[in-house]
Amino acid sequence: CYTCGKAFARKSTLTVHERTHSGDKPYQCHTCGKDFTEKGHLTRHERSHSGNSPYQCHTCGNAFADQSSLTQHERTHSGKKPYQCDICGKAFTQKSTLTVHERTHSGIKPCQCHTCGKAFARRSTLTRHERTHSGNKSYQCHTCGKAFVGKRDLSVHERIHSGTYTCHTCGKGFIQKGHLTVHERTHSGNKPYQCHTCGKAFTEKGTLTRHERTHSANKP
């Protein structure tokens, strides 16, 4: 590959790899319009529309459209992680996950934005970044209609409506576990952060830090 220097035994494999740099996805689903870099990926995707899932897990009964998806799923039961990083020894269930992890050691960022030139280690990160240029916010909250660039941003937002972390005492909901923990101290009276100078205690570390400045006269 002229872009990153990676070598392949077959020309066809190189061709598929080069698409990770160019972003070319020549195989399109006629049902939903989604594009893919490989014909095999398109074939597996099309089964999600047809409902054809002939590969079944003997442990839990879940069915999958192809053997490779079933094999990956079965590792969630067995705990098997056959792909190991030669540098740090960390193991993974999927080869693709190992490949992305190895970039944290090599510093390789093969996915480049054609608009600003910024490079990323993951294709998914590049996709989210590209939306900052296009203004495309394809993830929409079904409750309030607000749209977001990435799925993760939407997930965090949706917790506002669902109250993912709920206080068992008063029923109040919070977006983050840490916020719930601090709130629960208003019920329990627990103040784990104590000033070493005067002994006054606080529910939050930040509040203690501000208090300690009254002793040191460090008031930025």
Protein backbone atom coordinates (compact mmCIF):
# COMPACT_ATOMS: atom_id res chain seq x y z
CA CYS A 1 0.00 0.00 0.00
CA TYR A 2 1.49 3.35 -1.08
CA THR A 3 -0.33 5.20 1.71
CA CYS A 4 0.73 3.27 4.83
CA GLY A 5 3.28 0.75 3.56
CA LYS A 6 1.35 -2.35 4.59
CA ALA A 7 2.00 -5.37 2.34
CA PHE A 8 -0.41 -8.06 1.11
CA ALA A 9 -0.05 -11.41 -0.60
CA ARG A 10 -2.91 -10.77 -3.02
CA LYS A 11 -3.74 -7.82 -5.25
CA SER A 12 -7.45 -8.16 -4.37
CA THR A 13 -6.68 -7.87 -0.65
CA LEU A 14 -4.64 -4.74 -1.29
CA THR A 15 -7.53 -3.28 -3.31
CA VAL A 16 -9.94 -3.80 -0.41
CA HIS A 17 -7.40 -2.36 2.06
CA GLU A 18 -6.87 0.78 -0.03
CA ARG A 19 -10.55 1.57 0.41
CA THR A 20 -9.89 2.22 4.10
CA HIS A 21 -7.81 5.20 2.94
CA SER A 22 -9.96 6.39 0.04
CA GLY A 23 -13.32 5.80 1.72
CA ASP A 24 -14.55 4.08 -1.45
CA LYS A 25 -17.56 1.80 -0.81
CA PRO A 26 -18.61 0.34 -4.18
CA TYR A 27 -21.21 -2.15 -2.90
CA GLN A 28 -24.61 -0.66 -2.11
CA CYS A 29 -27.66 -2.21 -0.48
CA HIS A 30 -30.67 -1.78 -2.78
CA THR A 31 -33.03 -1.84 0.20
CA CYS A 32 -31.64 0.91 2.46
CA GLY A 33 -28.82 2.45 0.41
CA LYS A 34 -26.03 1.63 2.86
CA ASP A 35 -22.60 1.26 1.23
CA PHE A 36 -19.87 -1.31 1.90
CA THR A 37 -16.23 -1.83 0.97
CA GLU A 38 -16.61 -5.57 0.33
CA LYS A 39 -19.19 -7.72 -1.43
CA GLY A 40 -19.25 -10.19 1.48
CA HIS A 41 -20.14 -7.43 3.94
CA LEU A 42 -23.03 -6.38 1.70
CA THR A 43 -24.29 -9.97 1.48
CA ARG A 44 -24.34 -10.35 5.27
CA HIS A 45 -26.04 -6.98 5.66
CA GLU A 46 -28.78 -7.86 3.17
CA ARG A 47 -29.78 -10.79 5.38
CA SER A 48 -30.77 -8.27 8.06
CA HIS A 49 -33.55 -7.17 5.70
CA SER A 50 -34.60 -10.63 4.61
CA GLY A 51 -34.61 -12.03 8.15
CA ASN A 52 -32.43 -14.95 7.03
CA SER A 53 -30.34 -15.96 10.05
CA PRO A 54 -29.43 -19.63 9.64
CA TYR A 55 -26.58 -19.73 12.17
CA GLN A 56 -27.78 -20.35 15.72
CA CYS A 57 -25.91 -20.23 19.03
CA HIS A 58 -26.37 -23.51 20.93
CA THR A 59 -25.84 -21.75 24.25
CA CYS A 60 -28.43 -18.95 24.15
CA GLY A 61 -30.36 -19.54 20.94
CA ASN A 62 -29.50 -16.23 19.24
CA ALA A 63 -29.37 -16.50 15.46
CA PHE A 64 -26.96 -14.83 13.03
CA ALA A 65 -26.77 -14.17 9.32
CA ASP A 66 -23.28 -15.67 8.87
CA GLN A 67 -20.86 -18.10 10.50
CA SER A 68 -18.25 -15.46 11.40
CA SER A 69 -20.80 -13.44 13.38
CA LEU A 70 -21.85 -16.57 15.24
CA THR A 71 -18.21 -17.43 15.99
CA GLN A 72 -17.58 -13.96 17.42
CA HIS A 73 -20.77 -14.16 19.49
CA GLU A 74 -19.86 -17.57 20.95
CA ARG A 75 -16.71 -16.01 22.41
CA THR A 76 -18.94 -13.95 24.73
CA HIS A 77 -19.91 -17.27 26.34
CA SER A 78 -16.50 -18.95 26.27
CA GLY A 79 -14.44 -15.87 27.08
CA LYS A 80 -12.01 -16.89 24.36
CA LYS A 81 -9.79 -14.08 23.00
CA PRO A 82 -7.63 -15.60 20.27
CA TYR A 83 -6.11 -12.35 18.95
CA GLN A 84 -3.22 -11.08 21.08
CA CYS A 85 -1.11 -7.94 20.77
CA ASP A 86 2.58 -8.83 20.37
CA ILE A 87 3.64 -5.61 22.09
CA CYS A 88 1.58 -5.46 25.31
CA GLY A 89 -0.07 -8.88 25.40
CA LYS A 90 -3.65 -7.60 25.49
CA ALA A 91 -6.07 -10.06 23.90
CA PHE A 92 -9.21 -9.50 21.83
CA THR A 93 -12.14 -11.50 20.50
CA GLN A 94 -11.90 -10.03 17.00
CA LYS A 95 -9.00 -9.54 14.60
CA SER A 96 -10.31 -6.12 13.57
CA THR A 97 -10.30 -4.92 17.20
CA LEU A 98 -6.68 -6.05 17.55
CA THR A 99 -5.76 -4.18 14.36
CA VAL A 100 -7.20 -0.93 15.71
CA HIS A 101 -5.53 -1.50 19.10
CA GLU A 102 -2.10 -2.00 17.49
CA ARG A 103 -2.35 1.52 16.10
CA THR A 104 -2.10 2.86 19.65
CA HIS A 105 1.45 1.47 19.67
CA SER A 106 2.46 2.30 16.09
CA GLY A 107 0.77 5.68 15.89
CA ILE A 108 -0.61 4.79 12.45
CA LYS A 109 -3.74 6.75 11.54
CA PRO A 110 -4.86 5.47 8.13
CA CYS A 111 -8.25 7.19 8.03
CA GLN A 112 -7.81 10.74 6.75
CA CYS A 113 -10.36 13.52 6.36
CA HIS A 114 -10.43 14.77 2.75
CA THR A 115 -11.65 18.18 3.91
CA CYS A 116 -9.06 19.21 6.52
CA GLY A 117 -6.46 16.45 6.37
CA LYS A 118 -6.83 15.34 9.98
CA ALA A 119 -6.09 11.63 10.43
CA PHE A 120 -7.65 9.03 12.73
CA ALA A 121 -6.94 5.46 13.80
CA ARG A 122 -10.57 4.36 13.42
CA ARG A 123 -12.91 4.70 10.47
CA SER A 124 -15.84 5.34 12.82
CA THR A 125 -13.99 8.29 14.42
CA LEU A 126 -13.32 9.75 10.98
CA THR A 127 -17.01 9.39 10.08
CA ARG A 128 -18.05 11.33 13.20
CA HIS A 129 -15.41 13.97 12.45
CA GLU A 130 -16.56 14.41 8.85
CA ARG A 131 -20.02 15.32 10.10
CA THR A 132 -18.53 18.42 11.74
CA HIS A 133 -17.80 19.65 8.21
CA SER A 134 -21.04 18.54 6.58
CA GLY A 135 -23.29 19.48 9.49
CA ASN A 136 -24.92 16.06 9.18
CA LYS A 137 -26.56 15.05 12.44
CA SER A 138 -28.07 11.66 11.68
CA TYR A 139 -28.74 10.51 15.26
CA GLN A 140 -32.02 11.96 16.51
CA CYS A 141 -33.64 11.73 19.93
CA HIS A 142 -37.10 10.15 19.60
CA THR A 143 -38.29 11.98 22.72
CA CYS A 144 -37.45 15.62 21.98
CA GLY A 145 -36.20 15.57 18.38
CA LYS A 146 -32.73 16.95 19.10
CA ALA A 147 -30.12 15.64 16.63
CA PHE A 148 -26.48 14.69 17.19
CA VAL A 149 -23.38 13.97 15.13
CA GLY A 150 -22.55 10.68 16.87
CA LYS A 151 -24.43 7.77 18.42
CA ARG A 152 -22.50 8.16 21.68
CA ASP A 153 -23.60 11.80 21.97
CA LEU A 154 -27.20 10.71 21.47
CA SER A 155 -26.88 7.97 24.11
CA VAL A 156 -25.61 10.45 26.71
CA HIS A 157 -28.42 12.88 25.84
CA GLU A 158 -31.14 10.22 26.09
CA ARG A 159 -30.24 9.65 29.73
CA ILE A 160 -31.75 13.08 30.45
CA HIS A 161 -35.13 11.62 29.53
CA SER A 162 -34.67 8.14 30.93
CA GLY A 163 -32.88 9.04 34.17
CA THR A 164 -30.44 6.16 33.66
CA TYR A 165 -29.04 6.45 37.21
CA THR A 166 -31.89 6.77 39.70
CA CYS A 167 -31.76 7.65 43.39
CA HIS A 168 -33.56 4.91 45.36
CA THR A 169 -34.46 7.39 48.12
CA CYS A 170 -36.22 10.17 46.18
CA GLY A 171 -36.42 8.81 42.63
CA LYS A 172 -34.43 11.61 41.02
CA GLY A 173 -32.58 10.59 37.83
CA PHE A 174 -29.05 11.47 36.73
CA ILE A 175 -27.05 11.21 33.50
CA GLN A 176 -23.85 10.02 35.15
CA LYS A 177 -23.15 7.60 38.01
CA GLY A 178 -20.84 10.12 39.68
CA HIS A 179 -23.62 12.71 39.87
CA LEU A 180 -25.90 10.16 41.54
CA THR A 181 -23.19 9.29 44.08
CA VAL A 182 -22.79 12.95 45.10
CA HIS A 183 -26.57 13.42 45.28
CA GLU A 184 -27.05 10.39 47.54
CA ARG A 185 -24.82 12.08 50.13
CA THR A 186 -27.56 14.68 50.63
CA HIS A 187 -29.67 11.84 52.03
CA SER A 188 -26.98 9.95 53.93
CA GLY A 189 -25.14 13.00 55.27
CA ASN A 190 -21.86 11.43 54.20
CA LYS A 191 -19.07 14.02 53.75
CA PRO A 192 -15.92 12.10 52.79
CA TYR A 193 -13.71 15.12 51.98
CA GLN A 194 -12.22 16.74 55.11
CA CYS A 195 -10.09 19.85 55.47
CA HIS A 196 -6.79 18.99 57.23
CA THR A 197 -6.53 22.53 58.59
CA CYS A 198 -9.88 23.06 60.34
CA GLY A 199 -11.57 19.67 60.09
CA LYS A 200 -14.60 20.87 58.13
CA ALA A 201 -16.04 18.14 55.86
CA PHE A 202 -17.64 18.32 52.42
CA THR A 203 -19.62 16.09 50.06
CA GLU A 204 -17.50 16.94 46.97
CA LYS A 205 -13.77 17.18 46.31
CA GLY A 206 -14.19 20.43 44.37
CA THR A 207 -15.95 22.10 47.30
CA LEU A 208 -13.10 21.07 49.63
CA THR A 209 -10.52 22.48 47.20
CA ARG A 210 -12.27 25.85 47.11
CA HIS A 211 -12.55 25.86 50.92
CA GLU A 212 -8.84 25.11 51.41
CA ARG A 213 -8.00 28.28 49.48
CA THR A 214 -9.55 30.30 52.30
CA HIS A 215 -6.72 29.02 54.52
CA SER A 216 -3.90 29.39 52.01
CA ALA A 217 -5.14 32.70 50.62
CA ASN A 218 -4.68 31.16 47.17
CA LYS A 219 -7.55 32.79 45.37
CA PRO A 220 -7.04 32.57 41.61
